Protein backbone atom coordinates (compact mmCIF):
# COMPACT_ATOMS: atom_id res chain seq x y z
CA MET A 1 47.41 -3.05 117.83
CA GLY A 2 49.59 -5.02 116.06
CA LYS A 3 51.51 -7.77 116.50
CA GLN A 4 53.84 -8.12 119.74
CA LEU A 5 57.60 -9.32 119.94
CA ALA A 6 58.06 -13.04 121.18
CA ALA A 7 60.70 -14.45 121.70
CA VAL A 8 61.67 -18.33 122.75
CA VAL A 9 63.43 -18.13 125.85
CA GLY A 10 63.13 -21.78 127.41
CA VAL A 11 64.31 -25.47 125.38
CA GLY A 12 63.65 -28.61 126.69
CA GLN A 13 64.15 -32.00 124.97
CA THR A 14 63.96 -35.95 125.93
CA HIS A 15 65.97 -38.37 125.00
CA TYR A 16 64.57 -40.40 122.22
CA ARG A 17 64.76 -43.69 121.96
CA ALA A 18 62.40 -46.70 120.45
CA LYS A 19 60.86 -47.26 123.35
CA ARG A 20 60.65 -45.18 126.96
CA GLU A 21 59.68 -47.63 128.91
CA ASP A 22 60.74 -45.46 131.97
CA VAL A 23 57.93 -43.06 131.63
CA SER A 24 54.33 -42.48 130.85
CA MET A 25 53.07 -40.41 128.53
CA PRO A 26 52.60 -37.80 131.14
CA GLY A 27 56.10 -38.10 132.32
CA LEU A 28 57.68 -37.69 128.84
CA CYS A 29 55.43 -34.70 128.62
CA ARG A 30 56.64 -33.57 131.77
CA GLU A 31 60.30 -34.33 131.69
CA ALA A 32 60.23 -31.98 128.20
CA ALA A 33 58.60 -29.38 130.38
CA ASP A 34 60.45 -29.12 133.14
CA ARG A 35 63.92 -29.00 131.16
CA ALA A 36 62.50 -25.88 129.44
CA LEU A 37 61.32 -24.04 132.10
CA ALA A 38 64.48 -24.89 133.77
CA ASP A 39 66.46 -23.54 130.66
CA ALA A 40 64.37 -20.70 131.44
CA GLY A 41 64.67 -20.18 134.64
CA LEU A 42 61.03 -20.26 135.37
CA SER A 43 58.17 -22.26 137.14
CA PHE A 44 54.47 -23.76 136.20
CA ASP A 45 53.51 -20.49 138.33
CA ASP A 46 55.14 -18.61 135.78
CA ILE A 47 52.93 -19.66 132.91
CA ASP A 48 50.17 -18.18 131.88
CA ALA A 49 49.20 -21.01 129.26
CA VAL A 50 50.04 -24.51 128.08
CA VAL A 51 49.43 -25.62 124.15
CA ILE A 52 49.96 -29.29 123.64
CA GLY A 53 50.31 -31.32 120.54
CA LYS A 54 50.75 -34.58 118.76
CA ALA A 55 50.28 -36.55 116.05
CA PRO A 56 46.74 -38.64 114.65
CA ASP A 57 45.25 -40.20 118.83
CA LEU A 58 44.96 -43.38 116.53
CA PHE A 59 48.77 -43.63 116.31
CA GLU A 60 48.90 -44.69 119.90
CA GLY A 61 45.13 -45.75 120.76
CA VAL A 62 44.66 -43.14 123.52
CA MET A 63 42.05 -40.88 122.24
CA MET A 64 41.91 -37.29 123.31
CA PRO A 65 45.54 -37.30 125.80
CA GLU A 66 44.87 -33.77 126.32
CA LEU A 67 42.68 -34.57 129.02
CA PHE A 68 44.42 -37.20 131.25
CA LEU A 69 48.13 -34.73 130.66
CA ALA A 70 46.35 -31.30 132.02
CA GLU A 71 47.88 -31.98 135.62
CA ALA A 72 51.11 -33.03 134.85
CA LEU A 73 51.54 -30.24 132.82
CA GLY A 74 50.60 -27.55 135.14
CA ALA A 75 47.46 -26.51 133.43
CA ALA A 76 45.06 -27.14 136.13
CA GLY A 77 43.58 -23.40 136.23
CA LYS A 78 44.97 -22.65 133.28
CA PRO A 79 44.00 -22.31 129.51
CA LEU A 80 44.98 -25.48 127.54
CA LEU A 81 44.68 -25.73 123.88
CA ARG A 82 45.46 -29.26 121.81
CA VAL A 83 46.74 -28.36 118.10
CA HIS A 84 46.57 -31.47 115.13
CA THR A 85 47.84 -30.62 112.15
CA ALA A 86 49.19 -33.99 111.58
CA GLY A 87 52.98 -34.82 111.24
CA SER A 88 53.39 -30.76 110.94
CA VAL A 89 51.64 -30.64 114.57
CA GLY A 90 54.89 -29.91 116.80
CA GLY A 91 55.55 -26.68 114.64
CA SER A 92 51.92 -25.79 114.83
CA THR A 93 51.94 -26.25 118.17
CA ALA A 94 54.62 -23.76 118.80
CA ILE A 95 53.13 -21.02 116.47
CA VAL A 96 49.76 -21.24 117.94
CA ALA A 97 51.73 -20.81 121.44
CA ALA A 98 53.99 -17.46 119.44
CA SER A 99 50.33 -16.48 118.59
CA LEU A 100 49.17 -16.31 121.68
CA VAL A 101 52.18 -13.72 122.59
CA GLN A 102 52.50 -11.90 119.92
CA SER A 103 48.54 -10.97 119.99
CA GLY A 104 49.02 -9.82 123.43
CA VAL A 105 46.86 -12.68 124.73
CA HIS A 106 49.63 -14.38 127.33
CA LYS A 107 53.49 -12.95 128.42
CA ARG A 108 54.35 -16.70 129.05
CA VAL A 109 53.20 -20.18 127.27
CA LEU A 110 54.34 -23.27 127.31
CA ALA A 111 53.97 -25.46 124.21
CA VAL A 112 54.60 -29.07 124.57
CA ALA A 113 54.28 -32.34 121.65
CA PHE A 114 55.05 -35.31 122.05
CA GLU A 115 54.58 -38.98 120.89
CA LYS A 116 55.18 -42.45 122.09
CA GLN A 117 55.48 -44.64 118.96
CA SER A 118 56.21 -48.05 121.09
CA GLU A 119 52.52 -47.54 122.77
CA SER A 120 50.90 -48.46 118.98
CA ASN A 121 51.66 -48.94 115.32
CA ALA A 122 52.36 -45.73 113.29
CA MET A 123 53.16 -47.64 110.20
CA TRP A 124 49.91 -50.03 110.30
CA ALA A 125 47.94 -46.75 111.14
CA LEU A 126 49.11 -45.12 108.05
CA SER A 127 48.30 -47.67 106.17
CA VAL A 128 44.89 -48.49 103.78
CA PRO A 129 42.29 -50.09 105.48
CA VAL A 130 42.74 -53.29 103.76
CA PRO A 131 46.74 -53.10 103.57
CA PHE A 132 48.47 -54.42 100.01
CA ILE A 133 45.39 -54.08 97.74
CA MET A 134 45.15 -51.52 95.31
CA PRO A 135 46.40 -49.02 95.44
CA VAL A 136 48.77 -50.37 97.11
CA HIS A 137 50.56 -48.36 99.95
CA ALA A 138 51.54 -49.03 103.31
CA GLY A 139 53.00 -46.40 106.04
CA ALA A 140 54.11 -42.94 105.23
CA GLY A 141 56.75 -44.56 102.90
CA GLY A 142 54.54 -46.51 100.47
CA TYR A 143 53.11 -42.90 100.29
CA PHE A 144 56.05 -41.03 99.42
CA ALA A 145 57.94 -42.93 97.25
CA PRO A 146 56.25 -41.98 94.30
CA HIS A 147 56.54 -38.77 94.93
CA VAL A 148 60.33 -39.45 94.98
CA ARG A 149 60.63 -41.14 91.64
CA SER A 150 58.76 -38.50 90.30
CA TYR A 151 61.32 -36.10 91.32
CA ILE A 152 64.19 -38.01 90.23
CA ARG A 153 62.39 -38.13 86.96
CA ARG A 154 61.84 -34.35 86.60
CA SER A 155 65.46 -33.37 87.84
CA GLY A 156 67.37 -36.19 86.67
CA ALA A 157 69.13 -36.60 90.03
CA PRO A 158 72.09 -39.25 90.46
CA THR A 159 70.73 -41.96 92.32
CA GLU A 160 73.57 -41.44 95.24
CA VAL A 161 71.47 -38.18 96.56
CA GLY A 162 69.24 -39.65 99.33
CA ALA A 163 72.22 -41.83 100.16
CA ILE A 164 74.34 -38.53 100.48
CA VAL A 165 71.25 -37.15 103.17
CA ALA A 166 70.84 -39.70 105.19
CA ALA A 167 74.89 -40.05 105.75
CA LYS A 168 75.06 -36.66 106.58
CA ASP A 169 72.27 -36.41 109.16
CA ARG A 170 73.23 -39.62 110.87
CA GLN A 171 76.78 -38.55 111.35
CA ASN A 172 75.68 -34.97 112.35
CA ALA A 173 72.90 -36.89 115.15
CA LEU A 174 76.31 -38.22 116.46
CA LYS A 175 77.20 -34.75 118.07
CA ASN A 176 73.72 -34.79 119.68
CA PRO A 177 73.23 -36.08 122.74
CA TYR A 178 69.18 -36.77 122.69
CA ALA A 179 69.51 -38.58 118.61
CA HIS A 180 67.48 -41.71 118.74
CA LEU A 181 70.11 -43.22 116.23
CA ARG A 182 73.65 -43.19 116.77
CA ASN A 183 75.28 -45.15 113.61
CA PRO A 184 78.80 -43.79 113.68
CA ASP A 185 79.58 -46.36 110.93
CA THR A 186 77.40 -45.20 108.25
CA THR A 187 78.06 -44.20 104.82
CA VAL A 188 77.40 -43.69 101.49
CA GLU A 189 78.26 -46.97 100.28
CA SER A 190 76.31 -48.63 103.49
CA VAL A 191 72.75 -46.51 102.52
CA LEU A 192 73.46 -47.53 99.14
CA ALA A 193 73.70 -51.57 100.15
CA SER A 194 70.91 -51.06 102.82
CA GLN A 195 67.84 -53.13 101.50
CA MET A 196 65.21 -51.75 99.31
CA LEU A 197 61.48 -51.10 101.35
CA TRP A 198 59.89 -48.66 98.84
CA ASP A 199 61.60 -48.13 95.50
CA PRO A 200 63.64 -45.80 95.79
CA ILE A 201 63.65 -45.66 99.11
CA ARG A 202 65.92 -47.81 100.90
CA TYR A 203 65.82 -48.90 104.66
CA ASP A 204 68.51 -46.67 106.02
CA GLU A 205 66.79 -43.43 104.14
CA THR A 206 64.31 -43.78 106.48
CA CYS A 207 63.70 -42.06 109.45
CA PRO A 208 62.95 -44.11 112.76
CA SER A 209 60.18 -44.70 114.92
CA SER A 210 60.98 -42.67 118.52
CA ASP A 211 59.65 -41.93 121.81
CA GLY A 212 59.79 -38.51 122.95
CA ALA A 213 58.89 -35.31 123.42
CA CYS A 214 59.88 -31.52 123.07
CA ALA A 215 59.07 -28.63 124.71
CA VAL A 216 59.42 -24.44 123.98
CA VAL A 217 59.05 -21.71 126.55
CA ILE A 218 57.81 -18.18 124.51
CA GLY A 219 57.67 -15.09 126.38
CA ASP A 220 56.48 -11.44 125.06
CA ALA A 221 59.65 -8.28 124.58
CA ASP A 222 59.52 -7.75 128.54
CA THR A 223 59.73 -11.53 129.40
CA ALA A 224 62.74 -11.82 127.00
CA ALA A 225 64.75 -8.64 128.12
CA ALA A 226 65.76 -10.56 131.11
CA TYR A 227 67.84 -12.89 128.99
CA SER A 228 70.95 -12.50 127.31
CA ASN A 229 70.52 -15.11 124.37
CA PRO A 230 66.37 -15.43 123.81
CA ALA A 231 65.65 -15.98 119.96
CA TRP A 232 63.50 -13.57 118.67
CA ILE A 233 60.95 -15.04 116.63
CA HIS A 234 60.88 -13.15 113.04
CA GLY A 235 57.72 -14.77 111.30
CA THR A 236 55.38 -17.70 111.34
CA VAL A 237 53.15 -19.52 108.86
CA MET A 238 51.08 -22.19 108.41
CA ARG A 239 49.53 -23.40 104.99
CA THR A 240 47.49 -25.99 104.09
CA GLU A 241 45.96 -27.48 100.85
CA PRO A 242 44.19 -30.48 99.66
CA THR A 243 45.79 -33.47 100.23
CA THR A 244 43.92 -35.64 96.81
CA ALA A 245 43.74 -32.67 94.59
CA ALA A 246 43.75 -33.51 90.84
CA GLU A 247 46.16 -30.89 90.09
CA ARG A 248 48.04 -30.82 93.40
CA ASP A 249 51.87 -30.85 92.51
CA GLN A 250 52.85 -33.94 95.03
CA VAL A 251 56.77 -33.13 94.17
CA ASN A 252 56.88 -29.02 94.48
CA PRO A 253 53.42 -28.43 96.77
CA GLN A 254 51.21 -25.01 96.10
CA ALA A 255 51.11 -24.68 99.73
CA GLY A 256 54.73 -25.23 100.91
CA ARG A 257 56.00 -22.55 98.35
CA GLU A 258 53.41 -19.98 99.55
CA ALA A 259 54.37 -20.63 102.71
CA ALA A 260 57.73 -20.14 102.57
CA ALA A 261 56.84 -17.13 100.32
CA ALA A 262 55.17 -15.59 103.54
CA LEU A 263 57.76 -16.48 105.66
CA TRP A 264 60.25 -14.53 104.05
CA LYS A 265 58.70 -11.83 102.87
CA GLN A 266 57.51 -11.38 107.07
CA GLY A 267 61.34 -11.90 107.59
CA GLY A 268 62.05 -9.08 105.47
CA ILE A 269 64.65 -12.10 103.50
CA THR A 270 65.07 -11.64 99.90
CA ASN A 271 67.29 -13.99 99.02
CA PRO A 272 67.16 -17.01 101.39
CA TYR A 273 70.02 -18.90 100.29
CA GLU A 274 72.38 -15.86 101.30
CA GLU A 275 70.46 -15.22 104.51
CA ILE A 276 69.60 -17.93 105.99
CA ASP A 277 72.38 -19.37 108.29
CA CYS A 278 71.10 -22.55 109.04
CA ALA A 279 67.92 -24.71 109.04
CA GLU A 280 66.01 -27.38 110.45
CA ILE A 281 63.80 -29.27 107.70
CA TYR A 282 61.27 -31.88 107.91
CA VAL A 283 62.85 -34.75 106.42
CA PRO A 284 61.20 -38.03 107.26
CA PHE A 285 63.18 -40.05 103.72
CA SER A 286 66.55 -38.76 102.43
CA TRP A 287 65.01 -37.51 99.09
CA PHE A 288 63.24 -34.71 100.66
CA GLU A 289 65.85 -33.08 101.49
CA PRO A 290 66.91 -31.85 97.67
CA MET A 291 62.69 -31.72 97.36
CA TRP A 292 62.33 -29.12 99.99
CA LEU A 293 65.29 -27.05 99.62
CA GLU A 294 63.67 -26.29 95.99
CA ASN A 295 59.80 -25.83 97.88
CA LEU A 296 61.31 -23.19 100.28
CA GLY A 297 63.43 -21.38 97.33
CA PHE A 298 66.65 -22.37 98.75
CA ALA A 299 67.51 -23.59 95.30
CA GLU A 300 65.68 -23.33 91.83
CA GLU A 301 63.73 -26.02 90.81
CA GLY A 302 65.26 -29.05 89.80
CA THR A 303 68.28 -28.46 91.36
CA GLY A 304 67.81 -28.57 95.08
CA TRP A 305 69.86 -32.21 95.00
CA GLU A 306 73.09 -30.12 93.51
CA LEU A 307 72.90 -28.64 96.96
CA THR A 308 73.27 -31.72 98.63
CA GLN A 309 76.03 -33.44 95.84
CA LYS A 310 78.29 -30.37 96.73
CA GLY A 311 78.05 -30.42 100.00
CA VAL A 312 76.49 -27.03 100.87
CA THR A 313 73.89 -28.91 103.47
CA ALA A 314 77.13 -30.51 105.00
CA LEU A 315 77.24 -28.91 108.83
CA ASP A 316 80.37 -27.14 107.54
CA GLY A 317 78.54 -26.45 104.28
CA GLU A 318 77.64 -22.82 103.36
CA LEU A 319 73.47 -23.91 104.56
CA PRO A 320 73.67 -26.12 106.89
CA VAL A 321 70.62 -28.64 107.31
CA ASN A 322 69.45 -30.22 109.86
CA MET A 323 72.64 -30.05 112.37
CA SER A 324 70.94 -32.38 114.98
CA GLY A 325 70.47 -35.28 112.42
CA GLY A 326 67.19 -34.49 111.63
CA VAL A 327 64.11 -36.75 111.58
CA LEU A 328 65.86 -39.28 109.97
CA SER A 329 68.12 -39.92 113.28
CA SER A 330 64.81 -39.55 115.90
CA ASN A 331 61.05 -39.38 114.97
CA PRO A 332 58.24 -38.88 117.81
CA ILE A 333 56.29 -37.76 114.93
CA GLY A 334 53.61 -35.50 116.96
CA ALA A 335 57.09 -33.58 118.70
CA SER A 336 59.29 -33.72 115.21
CA GLY A 337 57.92 -30.56 113.90
CA MET A 338 58.45 -29.23 117.13
CA ILE A 339 61.94 -30.42 117.19
CA ARG A 340 62.88 -28.27 114.22
CA PHE A 341 61.69 -25.26 115.70
CA ALA A 342 63.11 -25.72 118.70
CA GLU A 343 66.92 -26.79 117.56
CA ALA A 344 66.62 -23.40 115.24
CA ALA A 345 66.08 -21.63 117.96
CA LEU A 346 68.66 -23.22 119.94
CA GLN A 347 71.30 -22.35 116.60
CA VAL A 348 70.53 -18.73 117.38
CA ARG A 349 70.92 -19.07 120.61
CA GLY A 350 73.94 -20.00 120.89
CA ALA A 351 73.48 -23.22 122.45
CA ALA A 352 73.11 -26.03 120.26
CA GLY A 353 76.21 -28.10 121.58
CA GLU A 354 78.49 -29.96 119.25
CA HIS A 355 76.13 -29.34 116.78
CA GLN A 356 76.45 -25.58 116.76
CA VAL A 357 77.18 -23.61 113.44
CA ASP A 358 79.29 -20.99 114.25
CA GLY A 359 77.89 -17.40 113.96
CA ALA A 360 73.99 -18.81 113.05
CA ARG A 361 72.02 -15.95 113.37
CA LYS A 362 68.96 -16.55 111.21
CA ALA A 363 67.68 -19.74 111.31
CA LEU A 364 64.61 -21.61 109.90
CA GLY A 365 62.22 -24.56 111.40
CA HIS A 366 60.00 -26.39 109.18
CA ALA A 367 57.40 -28.99 108.98
CA TYR A 368 54.58 -31.19 107.29
CA GLY A 369 52.60 -33.18 107.54
CA GLY A 370 49.51 -35.21 106.47
CA GLY A 371 50.68 -36.41 102.85
CA SER A 372 52.21 -32.75 102.74
CA GLN A 373 49.03 -31.47 103.14
CA PHE A 374 50.25 -29.13 106.53
CA PHE A 375 52.71 -26.92 106.45
CA SER A 376 54.34 -24.87 109.19
CA MET A 377 57.30 -22.99 109.76
CA TRP A 378 59.00 -20.38 111.57
CA LEU A 379 62.13 -17.76 111.25
CA VAL A 380 64.04 -17.13 114.61
CA GLY A 381 66.94 -14.77 115.18
CA SER A 382 69.85 -13.48 117.63
CA GLU A 383 68.32 -10.11 117.03
CA LYS A 384 65.24 -8.28 117.17
CA PRO A 385 63.08 -8.29 114.37
CA THR A 386 63.68 -4.53 112.62
CA SER A 387 59.65 -4.84 111.55
């Protein structure tokens, strides 16, 4: 039996904030799940299985949270799976849920991803055991800064490109009611004037620490037939490579390139720049927009920054990127990948509100994690896939 059709029929998000003191972890997840089910017009009784994902347990110091989340997620008496692929886990969780439907195992699956960063300190969880000794890095920014420096050296990109990305995404976030950072005064100039944290990454070029959760309901073709605007899944892909392999290209990882090529092949895409209407790309530090544009095949190597500089990736550009404000504006790490996937689905459903791209018919959701070790992506469309 070949792969079955599957579609996103419900999306739910919490409001992303620095600290959600009004809810517990189960409450946070339930908020997103209830909204996804309401969007789909379904209840927990209609769900066959639940898939949950989050970033490493040490981020919050709570081991195996899926144990106590089962009841809150309506999973009692049903299959419950937990997924973990570091920062890409939100995307991977949605893909696992989609696979359960595409394989014919289940008809309707609820996928939930979350992070309550205020419960602990991911910055130190991501640091070397004894901070500030060689090799010197602290947090994800310390790890990725050398990769950004290498990209700038290899591509010759002007220094303001990172600030252009940050200003764009923060302005996009003003159109997203769920976004964490809502800074109307952010401009290229203000970003360039912000404090240098990890050279060349400035304070305003980094993502925030957020509490939040996201959920999607994925149904089979019979389920999707009852909806006027399902987001059909045209392709899903995950790829991995060793983080510390000596020959690894940290700027343009092989796993990302191969994942993108496989995704485009699944979706029948021969020219992603021309055929994809918009993209939600995992950009926790602003320079990763041009880097991933190249890794994904939207631009030739060394030229991704030109798309950013020319305004191609702006909300009204030829290839809008991170219409929701992206990870730079909301970053509950475990959920950040699923938010990218969910926002892509909202775009092709025509349900993205003020940050909707007119006429969006095919959209990319992208996530990466584990020091660019794990990649997960999906391609969704407003029409059923033809192959």
